[in-house]
């Protein structure tokens, strides 16, 4: 089924590693051959997986407020987003069913930054990662990242 979807031009993603163990992320990568992992925050429990995600540039669509609501982290201050970014992973911040989990994109950003002490450099990395993780064509990605670099340089 996954092969057929890929042949039809669909991008393959899987929900893995939020509440489940790193093994679920490995399965999504090796069996389903996904391009992107929804969540993936449990990957920090497996050094080899972290290395693979960083090396292969597999994006993680992290949803801090849903992680909090599902008790993946006891407090938002304990979230590992900074650890994922510092390890060189293509982590992004996203909302996950905002009506249920209590936060749209801006809420996820502002609450996570306020709770964890992420820096301006982390914000830049998250923005850059969002373009890298998107399914737009490579030339558009380059253009957006160039614009981001110009804007970020103007604030320094």
Protein backbone atom coordinates (compact mmCIF):
# COMPACT_ATOMS: atom_id res chain seq x y z
CA UNK A 1 0.00 0.00 0.00
CA UNK A 2 2.76 2.47 0.94
CA UNK A 3 4.62 1.75 -2.28
CA UNK A 4 1.48 2.42 -4.31
CA UNK A 5 0.86 5.68 -2.48
CA UNK A 6 4.42 6.76 -3.20
CA UNK A 7 3.98 5.80 -6.88
CA UNK A 8 0.88 8.01 -6.97
CA UNK A 9 2.92 10.93 -5.67
CA UNK A 10 1.73 10.96 -2.08
CA UNK A 11 4.16 11.85 0.66
CA UNK A 12 4.43 9.30 3.44
CA UNK A 13 4.28 10.38 7.08
CA UNK A 14 3.54 8.46 10.25
CA UNK A 15 2.45 9.31 13.76
CA UNK A 16 5.11 7.70 15.96
CA UNK A 17 7.14 8.28 19.07
CA UNK A 18 4.82 10.57 20.97
CA UNK A 19 3.47 8.22 23.61
CA UNK A 20 5.01 5.09 22.07
CA UNK A 21 8.67 4.07 22.28
CA UNK A 22 11.48 4.83 19.82
CA UNK A 23 10.87 1.41 18.24
CA UNK A 24 7.72 2.87 16.66
CA UNK A 25 9.82 5.51 14.93
CA UNK A 26 12.26 2.87 13.68
CA UNK A 27 9.31 0.88 12.27
CA UNK A 28 7.89 3.93 10.54
CA UNK A 29 11.27 4.59 8.92
CA UNK A 30 12.25 1.04 8.02
CA UNK A 31 8.93 -0.63 7.26
CA UNK A 32 6.73 2.20 6.04
CA UNK A 33 9.64 4.20 4.55
CA UNK A 34 8.13 7.50 5.70
CA UNK A 35 9.58 10.90 4.85
CA UNK A 36 8.43 12.62 8.01
CA UNK A 37 7.49 11.63 11.57
CA UNK A 38 4.59 13.25 13.37
CA UNK A 39 5.82 13.86 16.94
CA UNK A 40 8.88 11.63 17.48
CA UNK A 41 9.77 13.15 20.85
CA UNK A 42 10.55 9.73 22.36
CA UNK A 43 13.44 9.42 19.90
CA UNK A 44 15.73 11.01 22.51
CA UNK A 45 15.68 7.70 24.35
CA UNK A 46 17.66 6.03 21.53
CA UNK A 47 21.02 7.56 20.58
CA UNK A 48 21.26 5.57 17.33
CA UNK A 49 17.82 6.77 16.28
CA UNK A 50 18.73 10.38 17.07
CA UNK A 51 21.84 10.03 14.92
CA UNK A 52 19.83 8.55 12.04
CA UNK A 53 17.14 11.22 12.19
CA UNK A 54 19.81 13.94 12.14
CA UNK A 55 21.87 12.30 9.39
CA UNK A 56 18.93 11.48 7.13
CA UNK A 57 17.27 14.84 7.84
CA UNK A 58 13.95 13.19 8.72
CA UNK A 59 11.63 15.94 9.98
CA UNK A 60 9.72 15.65 13.25
CA UNK A 61 6.49 17.60 13.51
CA UNK A 62 6.53 18.28 17.25
CA UNK A 63 3.32 19.42 18.96
CA UNK A 64 4.29 20.57 22.46
CA UNK A 65 0.80 21.34 23.76
CA UNK A 66 -0.58 17.96 22.73
CA UNK A 67 2.50 16.34 24.31
CA UNK A 68 1.60 18.18 27.52
CA UNK A 69 -2.11 17.28 27.36
CA UNK A 70 -1.23 13.60 26.81
CA UNK A 71 1.19 13.71 29.76
CA UNK A 72 4.20 12.87 27.60
CA UNK A 73 5.91 15.60 29.65
CA UNK A 74 4.70 16.44 33.17
CA UNK A 75 5.27 20.15 32.57
CA UNK A 76 5.93 22.16 29.42
CA UNK A 77 9.24 23.26 30.97
CA UNK A 78 10.33 19.61 30.71
CA UNK A 79 9.73 19.41 26.95
CA UNK A 80 12.70 18.15 24.94
CA UNK A 81 12.30 20.36 21.86
CA UNK A 82 15.55 22.16 22.65
CA UNK A 83 17.35 18.83 22.99
CA UNK A 84 16.04 17.73 19.58
CA UNK A 85 17.17 20.98 17.97
CA UNK A 86 20.56 20.96 19.69
CA UNK A 87 21.11 17.42 18.38
CA UNK A 88 20.65 18.70 14.83
CA UNK A 89 17.25 17.18 14.14
CA UNK A 90 14.79 18.77 11.72
CA UNK A 91 12.23 19.42 14.43
CA UNK A 92 9.35 21.81 13.79
CA UNK A 93 6.61 23.22 16.01
CA UNK A 94 3.03 22.44 15.04
CA UNK A 95 -0.48 22.38 16.43
CA UNK A 96 -2.30 19.10 16.87
CA UNK A 97 -6.10 19.25 16.88
CA UNK A 98 -6.16 22.72 18.48
CA UNK A 99 -9.75 22.48 19.71
CA UNK A 100 -8.92 19.37 21.71
CA UNK A 101 -5.32 20.02 22.75
CA UNK A 102 -5.82 23.72 23.45
CA UNK A 103 -3.54 25.64 21.17
CA UNK A 104 -3.01 26.84 17.64
CA UNK A 105 0.45 27.39 16.14
CA UNK A 106 1.18 30.67 17.90
CA UNK A 107 0.11 29.18 21.24
CA UNK A 108 2.47 26.25 20.75
CA UNK A 109 5.35 28.61 19.97
CA UNK A 110 4.78 31.22 22.65
CA UNK A 111 3.98 28.82 25.47
CA UNK A 112 6.88 26.51 24.61
CA UNK A 113 9.39 29.35 24.35
CA UNK A 114 8.16 30.89 27.61
CA UNK A 115 8.35 27.57 29.46
CA UNK A 116 11.62 26.20 28.11
CA UNK A 117 13.85 29.22 27.58
CA UNK A 118 14.47 28.48 23.92
CA UNK A 119 16.55 31.21 22.26
CA UNK A 120 16.35 33.36 19.14
CA UNK A 121 18.75 30.88 17.51
CA UNK A 122 16.26 28.10 18.25
CA UNK A 123 13.50 30.22 16.68
CA UNK A 124 15.63 30.67 13.57
CA UNK A 125 16.36 26.93 13.42
CA UNK A 126 12.67 26.09 13.81
CA UNK A 127 11.76 28.47 10.97
CA UNK A 128 14.49 27.06 8.75
CA UNK A 129 13.45 23.51 9.62
CA UNK A 130 9.84 24.27 8.71
CA UNK A 131 10.88 25.09 5.16
CA UNK A 132 13.19 22.07 4.96
CA UNK A 133 10.41 19.78 6.25
CA UNK A 134 7.78 21.12 3.86
CA UNK A 135 6.81 19.33 0.69
CA UNK A 136 7.32 22.38 -1.54
CA UNK A 137 9.87 22.15 -4.36
CA UNK A 138 13.55 22.68 -3.63
CA UNK A 139 13.82 26.02 -5.42
CA UNK A 140 10.98 27.45 -3.34
CA UNK A 141 12.62 26.12 -0.17
CA UNK A 142 15.87 27.86 -1.09
CA UNK A 143 14.07 31.14 -1.78
CA UNK A 144 12.23 31.08 1.54
CA UNK A 145 15.37 30.16 3.47
CA UNK A 146 17.26 33.01 1.76
CA UNK A 147 14.49 35.42 2.80
CA UNK A 148 14.61 34.03 6.33
CA UNK A 149 18.39 34.49 6.44
CA UNK A 150 18.03 38.11 5.30
CA UNK A 151 15.40 38.85 7.97
CA UNK A 152 17.32 37.09 10.70
CA UNK A 153 20.54 38.94 9.78
CA UNK A 154 18.74 42.25 10.01
CA UNK A 155 17.86 41.58 13.67
CA UNK A 156 21.40 40.84 14.76
